[in-house]
Amino acid sequence: MRRMSNIAVAEKQWFGHPRGLSTLFFTEMWERFSYYGMRALLTLYMVGSVIQPGLGFSVEKGTHIYALYTMMVYLMGVPGGWIADRFLGHYRAVLVGGIIIACGHFTMAISGIPFFYTGPHP
């Protein structure tokens, strides 16, 4: 009987780690790539010329929006974690988070100011 439980545990491993860790790793990697990639380009896009790819915002307005974006990324972890712990559970929290990030990316593909304000905020 002991041998069967060892086999069952071995089958649930992924490179020596629990299978759920792979989902968490790839979701976290995608989120980090999205966030830090957005941080690098967001202000440049906002203050860029309208003739070139950009919105033509002033530097002051662009950096203000960037600061709000960065602040909200860190602040939303608290209510998001509370919702995940109380209502969604581990699996659904990762799934819903990934869907929200994907929706943000798809929204950025549509041009227009309303889509800009909803798109870059995962």
Protein backbone atom coordinates (compact mmCIF):
# COMPACT_ATOMS: atom_id res chain seq x y z
CA MET A 1 0.00 0.00 0.00
CA ARG A 2 2.84 2.36 0.83
CA ARG A 3 4.38 1.85 -2.61
CA MET A 4 1.19 2.98 -4.41
CA SER A 5 1.06 6.26 -2.50
CA ASN A 6 4.68 7.01 -3.48
CA ILE A 7 3.81 6.44 -7.15
CA ALA A 8 0.76 8.70 -6.87
CA VAL A 9 2.90 11.45 -5.34
CA ALA A 10 5.58 11.02 -8.04
CA GLU A 11 3.00 11.40 -10.82
CA LYS A 12 1.87 14.75 -9.43
CA GLN A 13 5.38 16.18 -9.66
CA TRP A 14 6.77 18.58 -12.28
CA PHE A 15 10.57 18.69 -12.29
CA GLY A 16 10.48 17.67 -8.64
CA HIS A 17 7.85 20.25 -7.68
CA PRO A 18 4.06 20.01 -7.25
CA ARG A 19 2.10 20.33 -10.53
CA GLY A 20 0.27 23.46 -9.36
CA LEU A 21 3.58 25.30 -9.11
CA SER A 22 3.97 25.24 -12.91
CA THR A 23 0.66 27.07 -13.34
CA LEU A 24 1.64 29.59 -10.71
CA PHE A 25 5.10 30.05 -12.22
CA PHE A 26 3.90 30.69 -15.77
CA THR A 27 1.11 33.02 -14.61
CA GLU A 28 3.55 34.99 -12.48
CA MET A 29 6.08 35.12 -15.32
CA TRP A 30 3.42 36.44 -17.71
CA GLU A 31 2.26 39.01 -15.16
CA ARG A 32 5.83 40.24 -14.51
CA PHE A 33 6.61 40.43 -18.22
CA SER A 34 3.41 42.41 -18.78
CA TYR A 35 3.93 44.77 -15.86
CA TYR A 36 7.59 45.58 -16.38
CA GLY A 37 7.16 45.76 -20.15
CA MET A 38 4.30 48.22 -19.66
CA ARG A 39 6.32 50.30 -17.20
CA ALA A 40 9.11 50.63 -19.74
CA LEU A 41 6.88 51.83 -22.57
CA LEU A 42 3.85 53.51 -21.01
CA THR A 43 5.23 57.01 -20.42
CA LEU A 44 7.09 57.02 -23.73
CA TYR A 45 3.86 56.15 -25.56
CA MET A 46 1.83 58.79 -23.74
CA VAL A 47 4.24 61.67 -24.35
CA GLY A 48 5.13 60.60 -27.90
CA SER A 49 4.06 62.70 -30.83
CA VAL A 50 0.65 62.07 -32.35
CA ILE A 51 2.32 61.84 -35.76
CA GLN A 52 4.50 59.00 -34.49
CA PRO A 53 2.94 56.26 -32.38
CA GLY A 54 1.93 58.18 -29.30
CA LEU A 55 -0.87 60.08 -27.60
CA GLY A 56 0.71 63.54 -27.43
CA PHE A 57 0.15 64.01 -23.68
CA SER A 58 2.28 66.49 -21.77
CA VAL A 59 5.12 65.04 -19.71
CA GLU A 60 3.31 66.07 -16.53
CA LYS A 61 0.08 64.29 -17.50
CA GLY A 62 1.94 61.21 -18.74
CA THR A 63 3.98 60.80 -15.58
CA HIS A 64 0.87 61.39 -13.45
CA ILE A 65 -0.97 58.56 -15.23
CA TYR A 66 2.13 56.37 -14.92
CA ALA A 67 2.30 57.04 -11.17
CA LEU A 68 -1.39 56.16 -10.78
CA TYR A 69 -0.88 52.97 -12.78
CA THR A 70 2.06 51.90 -10.60
CA MET A 71 0.20 52.77 -7.40
CA MET A 72 -2.90 50.82 -8.40
CA VAL A 73 -0.87 47.73 -9.33
CA TYR A 74 0.45 47.50 -5.77
CA LEU A 75 -2.75 48.58 -4.01
CA MET A 76 -5.03 46.16 -5.87
CA GLY A 77 -3.09 43.22 -4.44
CA VAL A 78 -4.82 43.71 -1.09
CA PRO A 79 -8.49 43.53 -2.20
CA GLY A 80 -7.57 41.03 -4.92
CA GLY A 81 -5.94 38.74 -2.37
CA TRP A 82 -8.91 39.08 -0.04
CA ILE A 83 -11.35 38.14 -2.83
CA ALA A 84 -9.13 35.23 -3.86
CA ASP A 85 -8.86 33.89 -0.30
CA ARG A 86 -12.50 34.35 0.66
CA PHE A 87 -14.40 33.57 -2.53
CA LEU A 88 -12.37 32.20 -5.44
CA GLY A 89 -9.82 29.77 -4.08
CA HIS A 90 -6.32 29.14 -5.41
CA TYR A 91 -7.13 27.65 -8.80
CA ARG A 92 -9.87 30.09 -9.77
CA ALA A 93 -7.85 33.08 -8.53
CA VAL A 94 -4.98 32.22 -10.89
CA LEU A 95 -7.42 31.55 -13.74
CA VAL A 96 -9.34 34.82 -13.24
CA GLY A 97 -6.09 36.76 -12.88
CA GLY A 98 -4.81 35.35 -16.16
CA ILE A 99 -8.08 36.18 -17.90
CA ILE A 100 -7.93 39.77 -16.61
CA ILE A 101 -4.35 40.15 -17.86
CA ALA A 102 -5.33 38.73 -21.28
CA CYS A 103 -8.33 41.08 -21.51
CA GLY A 104 -6.02 44.00 -20.77
CA HIS A 105 -3.69 42.92 -23.57
CA PHE A 106 -6.51 42.45 -26.05
CA THR A 107 -7.94 45.86 -25.14
CA MET A 108 -4.60 47.52 -25.94
CA ALA A 109 -4.86 46.20 -29.52
CA ILE A 110 -7.82 48.55 -30.16
CA SER A 111 -6.92 52.17 -30.79
CA GLY A 112 -8.72 54.94 -28.93
CA ILE A 113 -8.41 56.78 -25.64
CA PRO A 114 -11.13 54.77 -23.80
CA PHE A 115 -9.34 51.54 -24.68
CA PHE A 116 -6.01 53.02 -23.65
CA TYR A 117 -7.31 53.76 -20.16
CA THR A 118 -8.75 50.26 -19.72
CA GLY A 119 -6.05 48.31 -21.55
CA PRO A 120 -2.75 48.75 -19.76
CA HIS A 121 -4.15 48.02 -16.32
CA PRO A 122 -3.89 44.29 -15.64
